Amino acid sequence: MPKTMTLRLSDELAADLEAMARVDDVPVSEAIRVAIDERVKARRDDKQFQARLRRLMAESQRALERLAQ
């Protein structure tokens, strides 16, 4: 199910985004979805990010296990 989110942008960034969407002939919302999708894919391939993610997951797992006792 789609999730609606609110996004605050500076006037300059909003104008850039709107201009790019017009050039690409897509709605601004689609330009945002594509940018987010590209960022997520890049993070999946980022070794440093993945290492931090695994460390955080391990820390969270330990905290959850303590709470379950």
C-alpha atoms as a PDB file:
ATOM      1  CA  MET A   1       0.000   0.000   0.000  1.00  0.00           C
ATOM      2  CA  PRO A   2       1.476   3.392  -0.940  1.00  0.00           C
ATOM      3  CA  LYS A   3       2.550   5.703   1.871  1.00  0.00           C
ATOM      4  CA  THR A   4       2.057   9.443   1.705  1.00  0.00           C
ATOM      5  CA  MET A   5       4.912  11.550   3.058  1.00  0.00           C
ATOM      6  CA  THR A   6       5.530  15.264   3.530  1.00  0.00           C
ATOM      7  CA  LEU A   7       8.805  16.735   2.336  1.00  0.00           C
ATOM      8  CA  ARG A   8      10.321  20.152   3.127  1.00  0.00           C
ATOM      9  CA  LEU A   9      12.701  21.569   0.553  1.00  0.00           C
ATOM     10  CA  SER A  10      14.460  24.873   0.240  1.00  0.00           C
ATOM     11  CA  ASP A  11      13.007  27.157  -2.420  1.00  0.00           C
ATOM     12  CA  GLU A  12      16.097  26.612  -4.560  1.00  0.00           C
ATOM     13  CA  LEU A  13      15.997  22.818  -4.325  1.00  0.00           C
ATOM     14  CA  ALA A  14      12.251  22.784  -5.021  1.00  0.00           C
ATOM     15  CA  ALA A  15      12.754  24.941  -8.119  1.00  0.00           C
ATOM     16  CA  ASP A  16      15.550  22.652  -9.339  1.00  0.00           C
ATOM     17  CA  LEU A  17      13.387  19.586  -8.771  1.00  0.00           C
ATOM     18  CA  GLU A  18      10.419  21.114 -10.586  1.00  0.00           C
ATOM     19  CA  ALA A  19      12.632  22.124 -13.523  1.00  0.00           C
ATOM     20  CA  MET A  20      14.141  18.621 -13.781  1.00  0.00           C
ATOM     21  CA  ALA A  21      10.689  17.047 -13.675  1.00  0.00           C
ATOM     22  CA  ARG A  22       9.498  19.359 -16.461  1.00  0.00           C
ATOM     23  CA  VAL A  23      12.527  18.524 -18.606  1.00  0.00           C
ATOM     24  CA  ASP A  24      11.945  14.794 -18.027  1.00  0.00           C
ATOM     25  CA  ASP A  25       8.188  15.283 -18.602  1.00  0.00           C
ATOM     26  CA  VAL A  26       7.251  13.540 -15.361  1.00  0.00           C
ATOM     27  CA  PRO A  27       5.360  14.652 -12.266  1.00  0.00           C
ATOM     28  CA  VAL A  28       7.517  15.961  -9.422  1.00  0.00           C
ATOM     29  CA  SER A  29       6.378  13.013  -7.301  1.00  0.00           C
ATOM     30  CA  GLU A  30       7.769  10.596  -9.898  1.00  0.00           C
ATOM     31  CA  ALA A  31      11.089  12.461 -10.003  1.00  0.00           C
ATOM     32  CA  ILE A  32      11.281  12.132  -6.210  1.00  0.00           C
ATOM     33  CA  ARG A  33      10.434   8.405  -6.321  1.00  0.00           C
ATOM     34  CA  VAL A  34      13.149   7.794  -8.922  1.00  0.00           C
ATOM     35  CA  ALA A  35      15.735   9.730  -6.886  1.00  0.00           C
ATOM     36  CA  ILE A  36      14.878   7.804  -3.729  1.00  0.00           C
ATOM     37  CA  ASP A  37      14.962   4.489  -5.577  1.00  0.00           C
ATOM     38  CA  GLU A  38      18.405   5.318  -6.982  1.00  0.00           C
ATOM     39  CA  ARG A  39      19.650   6.298  -3.503  1.00  0.00           C
ATOM     40  CA  VAL A  40      18.386   3.054  -1.944  1.00  0.00           C
ATOM     41  CA  LYS A  41      20.032   0.990  -4.680  1.00  0.00           C
ATOM     42  CA  ALA A  42      23.302   2.875  -4.198  1.00  0.00           C
ATOM     43  CA  ARG A  43      23.216   2.227  -0.441  1.00  0.00           C
ATOM     44  CA  ARG A  44      22.713  -1.488  -1.054  1.00  0.00           C
ATOM     45  CA  ASP A  45      25.985  -1.485  -3.012  1.00  0.00           C
ATOM     46  CA  ASP A  46      27.858   0.755  -0.528  1.00  0.00           C
ATOM     47  CA  LYS A  47      30.169  -1.451   1.556  1.00  0.00           C
ATOM     48  CA  GLN A  48      30.672   1.153   4.294  1.00  0.00           C
ATOM     49  CA  PHE A  49      26.929   1.719   4.629  1.00  0.00           C
ATOM     50  CA  GLN A  50      26.316  -2.034   4.741  1.00  0.00           C
ATOM     51  CA  ALA A  51      28.908  -2.426   7.520  1.00  0.00           C
ATOM     52  CA  ARG A  52      27.212   0.315   9.579  1.00  0.00           C
ATOM     53  CA  LEU A  53      23.836  -1.265   8.899  1.00  0.00           C
ATOM     54  CA  ARG A  54      25.003  -4.703  10.091  1.00  0.00           C
ATOM     55  CA  ARG A  55      26.516  -3.127  13.229  1.00  0.00           C
ATOM     56  CA  LEU A  56      23.240  -1.323  13.992  1.00  0.00           C
ATOM     57  CA  MET A  57      21.228  -4.487  13.365  1.00  0.00           C
ATOM     58  CA  ALA A  58      23.419  -6.424  15.808  1.00  0.00           C
ATOM     59  CA  GLU A  59      23.085  -3.695  18.459  1.00  0.00           C
ATOM     60  CA  SER A  60      19.316  -3.593  17.991  1.00  0.00           C
ATOM     61  CA  GLN A  61      19.084  -7.377  18.190  1.00  0.00           C
ATOM     62  CA  ARG A  62      20.960  -7.389  21.511  1.00  0.00           C
ATOM     63  CA  ALA A  63      18.656  -4.691  22.918  1.00  0.00           C
ATOM     64  CA  LEU A  64      15.552  -6.585  21.797  1.00  0.00           C
ATOM     65  CA  GLU A  65      16.848  -9.783  23.365  1.00  0.00           C
ATOM     66  CA  ARG A  66      17.433  -7.974  26.674  1.00  0.00           C
ATOM     67  CA  LEU A  67      13.900  -6.577  26.603  1.00  0.00           C
ATOM     68  CA  ALA A  68      12.456 -10.028  25.940  1.00  0.00           C
ATOM     69  CA  GLN A  69      13.967 -11.465  29.132  1.00  0.00           C
END
